[in-house]
Amino acid sequence: NTLKATAFNNQRTEGIPDEISVTYKSAETSKPNLYLFVIGINEYKNPKYNLNYAIADATAFRDEIQKGSSPIFGNINTTFIKDSEATKTRITADLNKITTLAKQEDMFVFYYAGHGAMSEEEKSLFYLIPTDVTQMFQATALEQKAISATELKQFSTQIKAQKQLFILDACQSGGMENVLAARGAAEEKAIAQLARSTGTYWLAASNSDQVAGEFAKLGHGLFTYCILQAFSGKADGQNDKKITVQELSSFLNDQVPIISKQHKGSEQYPVTYGFGMDFPVIIVK
């Protein structure tokens, strides 16, 4: 910056100006940190609930996020919980740790691959189903061992990171069509309320079908397969080598129905809600 001062006498004659140049060197700013929380459950205590691709989905998602986000963040702090480890006690304890560590400038990403269910009370709640829930539609079991939308909201508001992304691939049935909750208006409403009340982004799969013979071709559940396709660069609508959360959401809304139609003969529609500023999730290399 160049600053100049000059003076005039009563006859408006200008004096010789005095000039100074100022160079400001700001302090080096450190990169924000990423807190990545990933859960995948194939094996349930009740073997009727076992899944085929939740671990593969969770592992691939973790690997792609870590690889693609490393240029953006200073540190990537990953929590990966699977199968018998994935109890409510363990999950909530690790989430509580993040509430004490994450700062406003950081980003928090929560990914869940496993079962989800709606409780059957008059005012039903959406629940994530940990590995030790043996009766998915028993109210007492859900209250004691499952993680409700209310609890997820509480964690979201307690975690200080202003950029938050929640991805719920809670829709595989493992062939148990009569046991699992089919997604419907109640679940969509619950997810919309979570996004609105926390000012964050929530992306969720839509229905509860999984046909192992067909999806073996993909090696993943359909929803996460589409996320991985997005991260490969296919969601880069701006061609700027980065995938933002809004680009990811748009890609899923466009591609999940198309790919589900190709692989199972019917269209599946994801549930995506977001409030707040757009932000990059990964860099495409």
Protein backbone atom coordinates (compact mmCIF):
# COMPACT_ATOMS: atom_id res chain seq x y z
CA ASN A 1 0.00 0.00 0.00
CA THR A 2 1.26 3.47 -0.90
CA LEU A 3 0.11 6.29 1.39
CA LYS A 4 0.58 9.95 0.30
CA ALA A 5 -0.08 13.16 2.25
CA THR A 6 -0.07 16.62 0.75
CA ALA A 7 -0.98 20.14 1.92
CA PHE A 8 -2.43 23.30 0.31
CA ASN A 9 -2.00 26.95 1.39
CA ASN A 10 -4.75 29.60 1.28
CA GLN A 11 -4.06 30.20 -2.42
CA ARG A 12 -4.54 26.48 -3.07
CA THR A 13 -0.89 25.98 -3.89
CA GLU A 14 0.06 22.36 -3.27
CA GLY A 15 3.17 21.54 -1.31
CA ILE A 16 5.56 18.67 -1.99
CA PRO A 17 3.73 15.45 -1.01
CA ASP A 18 5.13 13.11 1.60
CA GLU A 19 4.85 9.46 0.57
CA ILE A 20 5.36 6.15 2.34
CA SER A 21 5.01 2.55 1.19
CA VAL A 22 3.71 -0.11 3.59
CA THR A 23 3.98 -3.84 2.97
CA TYR A 24 1.92 -6.09 5.23
CA LYS A 25 2.98 -9.69 5.59
CA SER A 26 0.19 -11.72 7.16
CA ALA A 27 0.88 -14.60 9.44
CA GLU A 28 0.91 -18.00 7.75
CA THR A 29 -2.49 -19.63 8.07
CA SER A 30 -2.68 -23.34 8.78
CA LYS A 31 -5.01 -25.57 6.81
CA PRO A 32 -8.21 -26.74 8.49
CA ASN A 33 -8.51 -30.34 9.65
CA LEU A 34 -10.92 -33.04 8.50
CA TYR A 35 -12.68 -35.27 11.01
CA LEU A 36 -13.84 -38.34 9.10
CA PHE A 37 -16.20 -40.72 10.90
CA VAL A 38 -17.03 -43.93 8.99
CA ILE A 39 -19.23 -46.87 10.06
CA GLY A 40 -19.82 -50.07 8.10
CA ILE A 41 -21.81 -53.06 9.39
CA ASN A 42 -22.07 -56.38 7.54
CA GLU A 43 -22.45 -58.66 10.56
CA TYR A 44 -25.28 -58.18 13.04
CA LYS A 45 -25.86 -60.06 16.26
CA ASN A 46 -29.11 -61.20 14.68
CA PRO A 47 -27.75 -62.95 11.55
CA LYS A 48 -31.02 -62.33 9.70
CA TYR A 49 -29.92 -58.70 9.38
CA ASN A 50 -26.50 -59.44 7.86
CA LEU A 51 -25.50 -57.40 4.80
CA ASN A 52 -23.23 -57.99 1.84
CA TYR A 53 -21.58 -54.69 0.93
CA ALA A 54 -21.59 -52.33 3.91
CA ILE A 55 -17.92 -52.95 4.80
CA ALA A 56 -16.83 -52.65 1.17
CA ASP A 57 -18.83 -49.43 0.86
CA ALA A 58 -17.43 -47.91 4.04
CA THR A 59 -13.85 -48.91 3.23
CA ALA A 60 -13.97 -47.52 -0.32
CA PHE A 61 -15.59 -44.28 0.87
CA ARG A 62 -12.92 -43.82 3.55
CA ASP A 63 -10.09 -44.48 1.09
CA GLU A 64 -11.43 -42.08 -1.56
CA ILE A 65 -12.04 -39.27 0.93
CA GLN A 66 -8.58 -39.66 2.43
CA LYS A 67 -6.93 -39.68 -0.98
CA GLY A 68 -8.91 -36.83 -2.49
CA SER A 69 -9.05 -34.48 0.49
CA SER A 70 -5.38 -34.54 1.49
CA PRO A 71 -4.55 -31.34 -0.50
CA ILE A 72 -7.31 -29.42 1.31
CA PHE A 73 -6.66 -30.29 4.93
CA GLY A 74 -3.77 -30.14 7.33
CA ASN A 75 -4.66 -33.35 9.13
CA ILE A 76 -7.21 -36.05 8.37
CA ASN A 77 -8.44 -37.62 11.59
CA THR A 78 -10.25 -40.85 10.70
CA THR A 79 -12.46 -42.99 12.90
CA PHE A 80 -13.42 -46.29 11.24
CA ILE A 81 -15.85 -48.59 13.07
CA LYS A 82 -17.09 -51.89 11.67
CA ASP A 83 -19.18 -54.95 12.56
CA SER A 84 -18.97 -55.96 16.25
CA GLU A 85 -17.26 -52.67 17.17
CA ALA A 86 -20.26 -50.68 15.94
CA THR A 87 -22.29 -50.44 19.14
CA LYS A 88 -24.08 -47.33 20.32
CA THR A 89 -21.67 -47.05 23.25
CA ARG A 90 -18.60 -47.07 20.99
CA ILE A 91 -20.09 -44.77 18.35
CA THR A 92 -21.30 -42.13 20.81
CA ALA A 93 -18.03 -42.22 22.77
CA ASP A 94 -16.00 -41.53 19.63
CA LEU A 95 -18.40 -38.80 18.50
CA ASN A 96 -18.06 -37.16 21.91
CA LYS A 97 -14.28 -37.04 21.41
CA ILE A 98 -14.74 -35.13 18.16
CA THR A 99 -16.97 -32.56 19.88
CA THR A 100 -13.97 -31.64 22.04
CA LEU A 101 -11.47 -31.51 19.16
CA ALA A 102 -13.07 -30.03 16.03
CA LYS A 103 -12.80 -26.28 15.52
CA GLN A 104 -15.03 -23.92 13.56
CA GLU A 105 -12.75 -23.88 10.52
CA ASP A 106 -12.62 -27.69 10.31
CA MET A 107 -14.85 -30.09 8.38
CA PHE A 108 -16.76 -33.08 9.74
CA VAL A 109 -17.89 -35.96 7.49
CA PHE A 110 -20.10 -38.76 8.86
CA TYR A 111 -20.67 -41.87 6.73
CA TYR A 112 -22.87 -44.81 7.71
CA ALA A 113 -23.46 -48.05 5.81
CA GLY A 114 -25.82 -50.40 7.58
CA HIS A 115 -29.48 -50.69 8.49
CA GLY A 116 -31.83 -47.81 9.20
CA ALA A 117 -35.37 -48.01 10.55
CA MET A 118 -38.31 -45.87 11.56
CA SER A 119 -39.85 -46.51 14.97
CA GLU A 120 -43.54 -47.33 14.96
CA GLU A 121 -44.84 -44.85 17.56
CA GLU A 122 -47.30 -42.13 16.56
CA LYS A 123 -44.37 -39.69 16.40
CA SER A 124 -41.86 -42.01 14.77
CA LEU A 125 -38.13 -41.40 14.74
CA PHE A 126 -35.46 -42.44 12.26
CA TYR A 127 -32.75 -44.68 13.78
CA LEU A 128 -29.37 -45.99 12.70
CA ILE A 129 -29.18 -49.67 13.68
CA PRO A 130 -25.90 -50.74 15.39
CA THR A 131 -24.68 -54.31 15.30
CA ASP A 132 -26.22 -55.42 18.63
CA VAL A 133 -29.83 -54.43 17.87
CA THR A 134 -31.58 -57.79 17.53
CA GLN A 135 -35.17 -56.55 17.15
CA MET A 136 -35.29 -53.68 14.70
CA PHE A 137 -38.91 -52.71 15.32
CA GLN A 138 -39.04 -53.10 19.09
CA ALA A 139 -39.31 -49.64 20.64
CA THR A 140 -37.32 -50.50 23.77
CA ALA A 141 -34.47 -52.00 21.77
CA LEU A 142 -34.28 -48.93 19.54
CA GLU A 143 -34.30 -46.51 22.47
CA GLN A 144 -31.54 -48.40 24.30
CA LYS A 145 -29.23 -49.53 21.51
CA ALA A 146 -30.00 -47.58 18.32
CA ILE A 147 -28.99 -44.01 17.44
CA SER A 148 -31.93 -41.70 16.80
CA ALA A 149 -32.19 -38.70 14.52
CA THR A 150 -32.52 -36.57 17.64
CA GLU A 151 -29.16 -37.82 18.90
CA LEU A 152 -27.53 -37.25 15.50
CA LYS A 153 -28.84 -33.69 15.54
CA GLN A 154 -27.41 -33.15 19.00
CA PHE A 155 -23.96 -34.31 17.91
CA SER A 156 -24.13 -32.11 14.82
CA THR A 157 -24.88 -29.01 16.86
CA GLN A 158 -22.20 -29.83 19.45
CA ILE A 159 -19.45 -30.37 16.88
CA LYS A 160 -18.03 -26.92 16.20
CA ALA A 161 -16.98 -27.55 12.58
CA GLN A 162 -19.02 -25.23 10.36
CA LYS A 163 -18.75 -27.54 7.35
CA GLN A 164 -20.56 -30.82 7.97
CA LEU A 165 -21.64 -33.61 5.63
CA PHE A 166 -23.70 -36.64 6.68
CA ILE A 167 -24.05 -39.59 4.28
CA LEU A 168 -26.46 -42.39 5.22
CA ASP A 169 -26.38 -45.51 3.07
CA ALA A 170 -28.85 -47.25 5.35
CA CYS A 171 -30.92 -49.09 2.81
CA GLN A 172 -29.60 -52.59 2.14
CA SER A 173 -31.98 -55.38 2.96
CA GLY A 174 -29.73 -58.41 2.59
CA GLY A 175 -32.73 -60.33 1.24
CA MET A 176 -34.94 -59.69 4.31
CA GLU A 177 -37.70 -57.73 2.59
CA ASN A 178 -40.28 -58.34 5.32
CA VAL A 179 -37.97 -57.41 8.18
CA LEU A 180 -36.42 -54.14 7.14
CA ALA A 181 -37.87 -50.67 7.03
CA ALA A 182 -38.63 -49.35 3.59
CA ARG A 183 -37.79 -45.72 3.26
CA GLY A 184 -40.76 -43.46 2.86
CA ALA A 185 -42.12 -40.00 3.55
CA ALA A 186 -41.42 -40.26 7.29
CA GLU A 187 -37.71 -40.91 6.82
CA GLU A 188 -37.40 -38.23 4.16
CA LYS A 189 -39.08 -35.74 6.50
CA ALA A 190 -36.73 -36.71 9.33
CA ILE A 191 -33.64 -36.13 7.19
CA ALA A 192 -34.99 -32.81 5.88
CA GLN A 193 -35.57 -31.63 9.46
CA LEU A 194 -32.02 -32.63 10.44
CA ALA A 195 -30.53 -30.60 7.59
CA ARG A 196 -32.68 -27.56 8.26
CA SER A 197 -32.16 -27.50 12.01
CA THR A 198 -28.39 -27.95 11.87
CA GLY A 199 -27.49 -25.98 8.74
CA THR A 200 -25.63 -28.97 7.31
CA TYR A 201 -25.77 -31.32 4.32
CA TRP A 202 -27.46 -34.73 4.50
CA LEU A 203 -27.35 -37.28 1.69
CA ALA A 204 -29.26 -40.53 2.03
CA ALA A 205 -30.16 -43.53 -0.10
CA SER A 206 -33.81 -44.11 -0.80
CA ASN A 207 -35.27 -47.61 -0.53
CA SER A 208 -34.41 -50.87 1.16
CA ASP A 209 -33.80 -53.22 -1.76
CA GLN A 210 -30.59 -55.13 -2.28
CA VAL A 211 -30.38 -58.06 -4.70
CA ALA A 212 -27.01 -59.70 -4.15
CA GLY A 213 -26.80 -61.32 -7.57
CA GLU A 214 -27.20 -58.03 -9.41
CA PHE A 215 -25.15 -55.79 -7.15
CA ALA A 216 -22.23 -58.22 -7.18
CA LYS A 217 -21.51 -56.69 -10.58
CA LEU A 218 -20.87 -53.38 -8.85
CA GLY A 219 -19.18 -54.74 -5.74
CA HIS A 220 -21.00 -52.10 -3.70
CA GLY A 221 -24.40 -50.95 -2.65
CA LEU A 222 -25.85 -48.80 -5.39
CA PHE A 223 -25.87 -45.50 -3.50
CA THR A 224 -22.23 -45.68 -2.44
CA TYR A 225 -21.26 -46.90 -5.92
CA CYS A 226 -22.70 -43.64 -7.28
CA ILE A 227 -20.78 -41.63 -4.66
CA LEU A 228 -17.54 -43.31 -5.74
CA GLN A 229 -18.35 -42.50 -9.37
CA ALA A 230 -18.88 -38.87 -8.34
CA PHE A 231 -15.49 -38.80 -6.59
CA SER A 232 -13.77 -40.18 -9.71
CA GLY A 233 -14.45 -36.80 -11.33
CA LYS A 234 -17.84 -37.43 -12.92
CA ALA A 235 -19.51 -34.92 -10.58
CA ASP A 236 -17.10 -32.11 -11.48
CA GLY A 237 -19.66 -29.91 -13.20
CA GLN A 238 -17.42 -26.83 -13.07
CA ASN A 239 -14.39 -28.67 -14.49
CA ASP A 240 -12.23 -27.16 -11.76
CA LYS A 241 -10.80 -30.43 -10.41
CA LYS A 242 -12.77 -30.32 -7.18
CA ILE A 243 -16.02 -31.92 -6.06
CA THR A 244 -18.17 -29.75 -3.82
CA VAL A 245 -20.99 -31.00 -1.64
CA GLN A 246 -23.57 -29.40 -3.94
CA GLU A 247 -22.00 -31.02 -7.00
CA LEU A 248 -22.09 -34.37 -5.18
CA SER A 249 -25.75 -33.88 -4.27
CA SER A 250 -26.70 -32.93 -7.84
CA PHE A 251 -24.84 -35.92 -9.28
CA LEU A 252 -26.60 -38.34 -6.94
CA ASN A 253 -30.02 -36.90 -7.70
CA ASP A 254 -29.31 -37.32 -11.40
CA GLN A 255 -27.48 -40.64 -11.53
CA VAL A 256 -28.94 -42.84 -8.78
CA PRO A 257 -32.30 -43.27 -10.58
CA ILE A 258 -30.54 -44.03 -13.88
CA ILE A 259 -28.09 -46.59 -12.50
CA SER A 260 -30.73 -48.25 -10.30
CA LYS A 261 -32.95 -48.64 -13.36
CA GLN A 262 -30.09 -50.31 -15.22
CA HIS A 263 -29.22 -52.76 -12.45
CA LYS A 264 -32.52 -53.64 -10.80
CA GLY A 265 -35.19 -52.53 -13.23
CA SER A 266 -36.72 -49.82 -11.05
CA GLU A 267 -35.73 -46.29 -10.21
CA GLN A 268 -34.37 -45.39 -6.78
CA TYR A 269 -34.42 -41.76 -5.69
CA PRO A 270 -31.96 -40.47 -3.10
CA VAL A 271 -32.86 -38.03 -0.36
CA THR A 272 -30.58 -34.98 -0.34
CA TYR A 273 -30.97 -31.83 1.74
CA GLY A 274 -28.50 -29.08 2.41
CA PHE A 275 -28.42 -25.69 4.08
CA GLY A 276 -25.51 -23.28 4.20
CA MET A 277 -22.57 -22.50 1.96
CA ASP A 278 -21.22 -24.92 -0.62
CA PHE A 279 -17.75 -26.34 0.13
CA PRO A 280 -15.26 -28.73 -1.52
CA VAL A 281 -15.10 -32.33 -0.35
CA ILE A 282 -12.24 -33.70 -2.47
CA ILE A 283 -9.76 -32.67 -5.15
CA VAL A 284 -9.87 -34.74 -8.36
CA LYS A 285 -6.37 -35.85 -9.35
